[in-house]
Amino acid sequence: MKKTYITLATVAALSAVVATAPVAHATVEKKLDIAQEVKPALTKPVQLQQDLVNAVKYLGNGTEAQSKLEKNLPNLETALKTAKEGAETAVKNAEDTAKNNLKPFETAVKTAEDAVKAENDKIATENKNIADAEAKIKELSLVSGLTAAEQKTQVEAQERIISTAKTAIETSESLLEGLNNKVTDAKEKLEEAKADQAKTVEAVKKAEAKKVAEKQKLVDEAKNDIAEWKEANKQLKDKVEAAKLALIKDGLTDAQLQALVKEAQEQVAKDQAMAATPVYRLYNAGLKVHLYTTDANEYAVLGARGWNQEGVAFNSASEGTPVYRLYNSALKVHLYTTDANEYAVLGQRGWTQEGVAFRSVKEGKPVYRLYNKGLKKHLYTTDANEYAVLGQRGWTQEGVAFNSAN
């Protein structure tokens, strides 16, 4: 027997009728059920169709969740790559700085060692002079043809050389103790400096490794979530097929089945399009700037780094007019606009284009934009009173910038 196709609206209407019809002649128990919002059982055809609607809805939710993760994964991987490159650069800079910081200590050691070497060289030279002089005296004792007076004169000359050399050696030896102490001190300071610089480099390595680990964790978690969603969606698809099969067995035609699935999918798409994502607002008192983000992690991290968390400023829809974000590194401010031309023009005037930050809906809560010429900064708010008050305090009211999802 051919079954009559029931639309989603009809399913809802039937549920409402079944829920309210018994009120006129209800027993106490039925009144209790009504008061407690106990929903009556649906008829089998309606229940089977509701099962399919729910299965399609749940699959849509799962598919959307998986899709969002897959779209965001490249961003996480790029952030990880940037973190790794940044870590490599930071460590190299730290090591180069450490080397430069050690140079004065290494120079001090070399200077002290050179001074010791210079005195030792003097001692060696003077010892040679003594040896040469002693050899000369010995030679003079063997030379014939010299008068005693001549021999004496030459011997005395060599003895003076020996005496002068010994005095020089004594002077150098007296200096060596102090010079050796300087070498020891310089080496100790060098070792202390090496230890300090090693600690500094190690601290940089640990800090950068932590940053990389945090980014790696996000990538790993995203990949794991995607894998889990794939498995979950596989099971949800099986449930959709099971719901379809149950309806076919109950007599629903293929055309009716496809129409019901299409209607359910359209409803899911509509619900997802209207789904609101919170846009958080933060304030940096030092920079005197606000930042808006849909990234809950960024909101948490910046909150831990001195930014004041001001909660949800407004909401972004998953579909709608794109709100572009730009950044001016000189002013250290962000600008948000739905004007594609403004986005393009400012991109040619030194502003960094950062893509779509969130989306504005056609009909929603207005988000006002104000500009402070003195601070050279914009502010965005859904608070009409804040918009009015700031307009009286030197801020230029620039009207509705875009609309919040709700």
Protein backbone atom coordinates (compact mmCIF):
# COMPACT_ATOMS: atom_id res chain seq x y z
CA MET A 1 0.00 0.00 0.00
CA LYS A 2 1.37 3.43 -0.94
CA LYS A 3 2.15 5.67 2.03
CA THR A 4 1.25 9.35 2.13
CA TYR A 5 4.32 11.66 2.30
CA ILE A 6 4.33 13.94 5.34
CA THR A 7 6.39 17.15 5.36
CA LEU A 8 8.50 18.31 8.30
CA ALA A 9 5.97 21.05 8.98
CA THR A 10 3.23 18.42 9.09
CA VAL A 11 5.30 16.32 11.50
CA ALA A 12 5.58 19.30 13.82
CA ALA A 13 1.87 20.11 13.45
CA LEU A 14 0.84 16.54 14.20
CA SER A 15 3.00 16.53 17.30
CA ALA A 16 1.32 19.73 18.48
CA VAL A 17 -2.18 18.39 17.79
CA VAL A 18 -1.49 15.12 19.56
CA ALA A 19 -0.05 17.04 22.50
CA THR A 20 -3.07 19.37 22.91
CA ALA A 21 -6.06 17.30 21.74
CA PRO A 22 -6.54 15.26 24.95
CA VAL A 23 -6.88 18.38 27.14
CA ALA A 24 -10.71 18.63 26.83
CA HIS A 25 -11.39 15.19 28.33
CA ALA A 26 -8.08 14.49 29.98
CA THR A 27 -7.76 12.41 33.08
CA VAL A 28 -5.65 13.66 35.96
CA GLU A 29 -2.76 11.56 34.68
CA LYS A 30 -3.04 13.13 31.25
CA LYS A 31 -3.15 16.58 32.77
CA LEU A 32 -0.01 15.74 34.66
CA ASP A 33 1.61 14.66 31.41
CA ILE A 34 0.62 17.95 29.82
CA ALA A 35 1.88 19.97 32.76
CA GLN A 36 5.15 18.04 32.69
CA GLU A 37 5.38 18.42 28.90
CA VAL A 38 5.37 14.67 28.34
CA LYS A 39 5.13 14.26 24.58
CA PRO A 40 2.77 11.51 23.35
CA ALA A 41 4.07 8.76 21.13
CA LEU A 42 4.00 9.51 17.42
CA THR A 43 2.33 7.17 14.95
CA LYS A 44 4.70 4.74 13.26
CA PRO A 45 4.87 6.56 9.87
CA VAL A 46 5.45 9.92 11.57
CA GLN A 47 8.03 8.42 13.92
CA LEU A 48 9.92 6.78 11.04
CA GLN A 49 9.99 10.06 9.15
CA GLN A 50 11.12 11.89 12.27
CA ASP A 51 13.88 9.30 12.70
CA LEU A 52 15.10 10.06 9.17
CA VAL A 53 14.90 13.80 9.73
CA ASN A 54 16.93 13.45 12.91
CA ALA A 55 19.47 11.15 11.25
CA VAL A 56 19.97 13.63 8.39
CA LYS A 57 20.27 16.47 10.87
CA TYR A 58 22.85 14.66 12.99
CA LEU A 59 24.85 13.71 9.90
CA GLY A 60 24.75 17.35 8.79
CA ASN A 61 26.03 18.45 12.18
CA GLY A 62 28.84 15.91 12.06
CA THR A 63 29.78 16.75 8.49
CA GLU A 64 29.87 20.46 9.33
CA ALA A 65 32.08 19.84 12.36
CA GLN A 66 34.48 17.74 10.29
CA SER A 67 34.52 20.30 7.49
CA LYS A 68 35.40 23.14 9.85
CA LEU A 69 38.29 21.16 11.29
CA GLU A 70 39.59 20.21 7.84
CA LYS A 71 39.40 23.82 6.66
CA ASN A 72 41.27 25.05 9.74
CA LEU A 73 43.95 22.32 9.70
CA PRO A 74 46.12 24.07 7.03
CA ASN A 75 46.11 27.21 9.21
CA LEU A 76 47.27 25.18 12.21
CA GLU A 77 49.97 23.50 10.13
CA THR A 78 51.14 26.87 8.83
CA ALA A 79 51.27 28.19 12.39
CA LEU A 80 53.32 25.14 13.39
CA LYS A 81 55.73 25.68 10.49
CA THR A 82 56.07 29.35 11.43
CA ALA A 83 56.69 28.40 15.07
CA LYS A 84 59.42 25.94 14.06
CA GLU A 85 61.11 28.49 11.81
CA GLY A 86 60.78 31.13 14.52
CA ALA A 87 62.27 28.76 17.07
CA GLU A 88 65.22 28.01 14.82
CA THR A 89 65.85 31.71 14.28
CA ALA A 90 65.43 32.57 17.97
CA VAL A 91 67.86 29.84 19.06
CA LYS A 92 70.44 30.86 16.45
CA ASN A 93 70.15 34.50 17.51
CA ALA A 94 70.55 33.49 21.16
CA GLU A 95 73.64 31.41 20.34
CA ASP A 96 75.14 34.24 18.26
CA THR A 97 74.45 36.71 21.07
CA ALA A 98 76.06 34.33 23.56
CA LYS A 99 79.18 34.10 21.40
CA ASN A 100 79.39 37.88 21.16
CA ASN A 101 78.89 38.24 24.91
CA LEU A 102 81.78 35.83 25.56
CA LYS A 103 84.24 37.67 23.32
CA PRO A 104 85.32 40.24 25.98
CA PHE A 105 86.01 37.42 28.45
CA GLU A 106 87.93 35.43 25.83
CA THR A 107 89.91 38.56 24.97
CA ALA A 108 90.72 39.08 28.65
CA VAL A 109 92.04 35.51 28.93
CA LYS A 110 94.16 35.91 25.80
CA THR A 111 95.53 39.25 26.99
CA ALA A 112 96.49 37.74 30.35
CA GLU A 113 98.07 34.68 28.72
CA ASP A 114 99.98 36.89 26.27
CA ALA A 115 101.35 38.89 29.19
CA VAL A 116 102.55 35.68 30.88
CA LYS A 117 104.06 34.48 27.62
CA ALA A 118 105.86 37.80 27.15
CA GLU A 119 107.52 37.52 30.57
CA ASN A 120 108.44 33.88 29.99
CA ASP A 121 109.93 34.88 26.64
CA LYS A 122 111.96 37.57 28.43
CA ILE A 123 113.20 35.02 30.96
CA ALA A 124 114.16 32.64 28.15
CA THR A 125 116.00 35.44 26.36
CA GLU A 126 117.86 36.46 29.51
CA ASN A 127 118.79 32.84 30.29
CA LYS A 128 120.24 32.61 26.80
CA ASN A 129 122.16 35.81 27.42
CA ILE A 130 123.53 34.32 30.63
CA ALA A 131 124.51 31.09 28.88
CA ASP A 132 126.19 33.02 26.08
CA ALA A 133 128.04 35.21 28.57
CA GLU A 134 129.20 32.22 30.61
CA ALA A 135 130.40 30.53 27.44
CA LYS A 136 132.26 33.70 26.49
CA ILE A 137 133.98 33.84 29.89
CA LYS A 138 135.02 30.21 29.52
CA GLU A 139 136.31 30.92 26.04
CA LEU A 140 138.30 33.92 27.29
CA SER A 141 140.09 31.70 29.78
CA LEU A 142 141.36 29.61 26.89
CA VAL A 143 142.31 32.48 24.60
CA SER A 144 146.04 33.29 24.44
CA GLY A 145 147.53 36.58 23.44
CA LEU A 146 145.46 38.72 25.81
CA THR A 147 147.02 40.61 28.60
CA ALA A 148 145.66 39.98 32.05
CA ALA A 149 144.12 43.45 32.05
CA GLU A 150 142.39 42.88 28.70
CA GLN A 151 141.12 39.50 29.78
CA LYS A 152 139.81 40.97 33.02
CA THR A 153 138.01 43.78 31.19
CA GLN A 154 136.24 41.37 28.85
CA VAL A 155 135.32 38.98 31.65
CA GLU A 156 133.86 41.85 33.69
CA ALA A 157 131.82 42.91 30.67
CA GLN A 158 130.32 39.42 30.41
CA GLU A 159 129.69 39.31 34.13
CA ARG A 160 127.78 42.58 33.85
CA ILE A 161 125.67 40.98 31.13
CA ILE A 162 125.00 38.03 33.43
CA SER A 163 124.13 40.31 36.33
CA THR A 164 121.77 42.42 34.22
CA ALA A 165 120.11 39.28 32.86
CA LYS A 166 119.62 37.84 36.35
CA THR A 167 118.06 41.10 37.51
CA ALA A 168 115.71 41.05 34.52
CA ILE A 169 114.80 37.43 35.28
CA GLU A 170 114.05 38.25 38.90
CA THR A 171 111.84 41.13 37.77
CA SER A 172 109.95 38.92 35.31
CA GLU A 173 109.56 36.14 37.87
CA SER A 174 108.18 38.60 40.40
CA LEU A 175 105.65 39.75 37.80
CA LEU A 176 104.68 36.24 36.74
CA GLU A 177 102.86 35.38 39.94
CA GLY A 178 100.47 38.30 39.50
CA LEU A 179 100.13 37.66 35.78
CA ASN A 180 99.33 33.98 36.34
CA ASN A 181 96.70 34.99 38.88
CA LYS A 182 95.17 37.27 36.27
CA VAL A 183 95.05 34.35 33.83
CA THR A 184 93.31 32.22 36.46
CA ASP A 185 90.83 34.98 37.27
CA ALA A 186 90.14 35.65 33.59
CA LYS A 187 89.54 31.95 32.92
CA GLU A 188 87.20 31.65 35.90
CA LYS A 189 85.21 34.65 34.71
CA LEU A 190 85.09 33.15 31.22
CA GLU A 191 83.72 29.87 32.59
CA GLU A 192 81.13 31.73 34.66
CA ALA A 193 80.13 33.74 31.60
CA LYS A 194 79.88 30.55 29.54
CA ALA A 195 77.62 29.01 32.17
CA ASP A 196 75.41 32.12 32.26
CA GLN A 197 75.18 32.30 28.48
CA ALA A 198 74.45 28.57 28.30
CA LYS A 199 71.56 29.08 30.73
CA THR A 200 70.23 31.93 28.62
CA VAL A 201 70.42 29.89 25.43
CA GLU A 202 68.81 26.91 27.15
CA ALA A 203 65.98 29.13 28.40
CA VAL A 204 65.36 30.34 24.85
CA LYS A 205 65.42 26.75 23.58
CA LYS A 206 62.89 25.68 26.21
CA ALA A 207 60.62 28.67 25.55
CA GLU A 208 60.68 28.09 21.80
CA ALA A 209 60.24 24.34 22.23
CA LYS A 210 57.16 25.06 24.34
CA LYS A 211 55.73 27.29 21.61
CA VAL A 212 56.34 24.63 18.99
CA ALA A 213 54.88 21.95 21.27
CA GLU A 214 51.72 24.03 21.76
CA LYS A 215 51.29 24.42 17.99
CA GLN A 216 52.08 20.74 17.45
CA LYS A 217 49.48 19.80 20.04
CA LEU A 218 46.83 21.82 18.20
CA VAL A 219 47.72 20.10 14.92
CA ASP A 220 47.70 16.65 16.52
CA GLU A 221 44.39 17.31 18.27
CA ALA A 222 42.83 18.59 15.05
CA LYS A 223 44.00 15.54 13.11
CA ASN A 224 42.72 13.26 15.85
CA ASP A 225 39.38 15.09 15.92
CA ILE A 226 39.08 14.80 12.13
CA ALA A 227 39.78 11.06 12.29
CA GLU A 228 37.19 10.66 15.04
CA TRP A 229 34.62 12.72 13.13
CA LYS A 230 35.21 10.61 10.03
CA GLU A 231 34.40 7.49 12.01
CA ALA A 232 31.42 9.18 13.70
CA ASN A 233 30.08 10.42 10.35
CA LYS A 234 30.47 6.94 8.88
CA GLN A 235 28.20 5.65 11.64
CA LEU A 236 25.79 8.57 11.16
CA LYS A 237 25.59 7.77 7.43
CA ASP A 238 24.72 4.19 8.33
CA LYS A 239 21.90 5.51 10.54
CA VAL A 240 20.56 7.63 7.67
CA GLU A 241 20.56 4.60 5.40
CA ALA A 242 18.88 2.51 8.11
CA ALA A 243 16.18 5.18 8.51
CA LYS A 244 15.65 5.25 4.74
CA LEU A 245 15.34 1.48 4.62
CA ALA A 246 12.77 1.51 7.44
CA LEU A 247 10.65 4.03 5.51
CA ILE A 248 10.92 2.01 2.30
CA LYS A 249 9.79 -1.09 4.15
CA ASP A 250 6.87 0.92 5.55
CA GLY A 251 5.77 1.80 2.02
CA LEU A 252 7.27 5.26 1.37
CA THR A 253 8.05 5.74 -2.33
CA ASP A 254 11.54 6.68 -3.51
CA ALA A 255 10.32 10.11 -4.64
CA GLN A 256 8.74 10.79 -1.25
CA LEU A 257 11.90 9.57 0.45
CA GLN A 258 14.14 11.84 -1.62
CA ALA A 259 11.83 14.80 -1.02
CA LEU A 260 11.92 14.21 2.72
CA VAL A 261 15.73 13.91 2.73
CA LYS A 262 16.05 17.08 0.63
CA GLU A 263 13.78 19.02 2.98
CA ALA A 264 15.74 17.79 5.99
CA GLN A 265 19.06 18.74 4.37
CA GLU A 266 17.76 22.19 3.51
CA GLN A 267 16.65 22.70 7.10
CA VAL A 268 20.06 21.58 8.38
CA ALA A 269 21.80 23.95 5.95
CA LYS A 270 19.55 26.79 7.08
CA ASP A 271 20.24 26.07 10.75
CA GLN A 272 23.99 25.93 10.13
CA ALA A 273 23.92 29.16 8.15
CA MET A 274 22.24 30.90 11.06
CA ALA A 275 24.50 29.30 13.66
CA ALA A 276 26.24 32.04 15.60
CA THR A 277 29.94 32.01 16.45
CA PRO A 278 30.94 34.37 19.28
CA VAL A 279 33.31 37.22 18.42
CA TYR A 280 35.36 38.04 21.51
CA ARG A 281 36.68 41.51 22.36
CA LEU A 282 39.96 42.18 24.16
CA TYR A 283 41.61 45.44 25.21
CA ASN A 284 45.29 46.25 25.61
CA ALA A 285 45.72 49.18 27.98
CA GLY A 286 49.35 49.72 26.94
CA LEU A 287 48.58 49.94 23.23
CA LYS A 288 45.10 51.40 23.84
CA VAL A 289 43.64 49.07 21.23
CA HIS A 290 40.81 46.55 20.97
CA LEU A 291 41.10 43.21 19.21
CA TYR A 292 38.22 41.09 17.95
CA THR A 293 38.56 37.35 17.39
CA THR A 294 36.43 34.24 16.93
CA ASP A 295 39.36 32.13 18.13
CA ALA A 296 38.65 31.08 21.72
CA ASN A 297 42.26 29.91 22.11
CA GLU A 298 43.63 33.29 20.98
CA TYR A 299 41.21 34.95 23.40
CA ALA A 300 42.52 32.79 26.27
CA VAL A 301 46.21 33.18 25.37
CA LEU A 302 46.05 36.98 25.00
CA GLY A 303 44.09 37.16 28.25
CA ALA A 304 47.05 35.49 29.95
CA ARG A 305 49.43 38.01 28.34
CA GLY A 306 48.02 41.20 29.76
CA TRP A 307 45.03 41.79 27.50
CA ASN A 308 41.75 42.53 29.27
CA GLN A 309 39.05 40.04 28.23
CA GLU A 310 35.80 41.93 27.61
CA GLY A 311 33.67 38.94 26.69
CA VAL A 312 31.53 38.38 23.60
CA ALA A 313 31.18 41.61 21.64
CA PHE A 314 28.82 40.21 18.99
CA ASN A 315 28.31 37.07 16.90
CA SER A 316 29.42 35.90 13.49
CA ALA A 317 27.29 33.76 11.18
CA SER A 318 28.76 30.85 9.23
CA GLU A 319 27.35 32.45 6.07
CA GLY A 320 26.80 36.07 5.18
CA THR A 321 28.68 39.19 4.11
CA PRO A 322 32.41 38.81 4.79
CA VAL A 323 33.93 41.21 7.32
CA TYR A 324 37.56 41.76 6.34
CA ARG A 325 40.37 42.41 8.81
CA LEU A 326 43.41 44.59 8.13
CA TYR A 327 46.43 45.42 10.31
CA ASN A 328 48.59 48.52 10.35
CA SER A 329 51.98 47.70 11.89
CA ALA A 330 52.92 51.37 12.27
CA LEU A 331 49.76 52.25 14.20
CA LYS A 332 49.55 48.76 15.74
CA VAL A 333 45.80 48.62 15.11
CA HIS A 334 43.30 46.39 13.31
CA LEU A 335 40.48 47.61 11.07
CA TYR A 336 37.34 45.65 10.21
CA THR A 337 35.24 46.39 7.15
CA THR A 338 32.60 44.83 4.87
CA ASP A 339 33.69 47.17 2.08
CA ALA A 340 35.76 45.10 -0.37
CA ASN A 341 36.96 48.30 -2.06
CA GLU A 342 38.16 49.79 1.24
CA TYR A 343 39.88 46.48 1.95
CA ALA A 344 41.65 46.60 -1.43
CA VAL A 345 42.61 50.28 -1.24
CA LEU A 346 44.01 50.07 2.29
CA GLY A 347 45.92 46.94 1.26
CA GLN A 348 47.81 49.15 -1.19
CA ARG A 349 48.51 51.78 1.46
CA GLY A 350 50.58 49.80 3.91
CA TRP A 351 47.85 47.83 5.64
CA THR A 352 48.27 44.06 5.86
CA GLN A 353 45.22 42.20 4.55
CA GLU A 354 44.35 39.39 6.98
CA GLY A 355 41.36 37.94 5.15
CA VAL A 356 37.82 37.30 6.41
CA ALA A 357 37.63 37.68 10.19
CA PHE A 358 33.92 36.87 10.53
CA ARG A 359 30.62 37.37 8.70
CA SER A 360 27.75 39.82 8.89
CA VAL A 361 24.11 38.79 8.45
CA LYS A 362 21.59 40.76 6.43
CA GLU A 363 19.17 41.05 9.31
CA GLY A 364 20.77 41.10 12.72
CA LYS A 365 21.89 43.22 15.61
CA PRO A 366 23.79 46.31 14.37
CA VAL A 367 27.48 46.61 15.22
CA TYR A 368 28.44 50.29 15.34
CA ARG A 369 31.86 51.67 14.42
CA LEU A 370 33.45 54.71 16.06
CA TYR A 371 36.78 56.43 15.39
CA ASN A 372 38.99 58.38 17.77
CA LYS A 373 41.15 60.82 15.82
CA GLY A 374 43.49 61.42 18.76
CA LEU A 375 44.12 57.73 19.37
CA LYS A 376 43.82 56.92 15.65
CA LYS A 377 41.82 53.86 16.59
CA HIS A 378 38.41 52.32 15.84
CA LEU A 379 35.97 50.76 18.27
CA TYR A 380 33.12 48.37 17.46
CA THR A 381 30.10 47.89 19.71
CA THR A 382 26.55 46.54 19.68
CA ASP A 383 25.74 48.78 22.65
CA ALA A 384 23.70 51.72 21.32
CA ASN A 385 24.20 53.57 24.60
CA GLU A 386 28.00 53.17 24.44
CA TYR A 387 27.84 54.36 20.83
CA ALA A 388 25.88 57.46 21.89
CA VAL A 389 28.02 58.27 24.94
CA LEU A 390 31.35 57.90 23.11
CA GLY A 391 29.95 60.06 20.32
CA GLN A 392 29.70 62.86 22.89
CA ARG A 393 33.26 62.26 24.10
CA GLY A 394 35.23 62.99 20.98
CA TRP A 395 34.65 59.78 19.07
CA THR A 396 33.34 60.06 15.50
CA GLN A 397 30.26 57.92 14.94
CA GLU A 398 30.68 56.04 11.65
CA GLY A 399 27.34 54.24 11.68
CA VAL A 400 26.60 50.54 11.38
CA ALA A 401 29.69 48.66 10.24
CA PHE A 402 27.99 45.26 10.00
CA ASN A 403 25.39 43.09 11.74
CA SER A 404 25.78 40.52 14.48
CA ALA A 405 24.20 37.11 13.91
CA ASN A 406 21.98 37.68 16.95
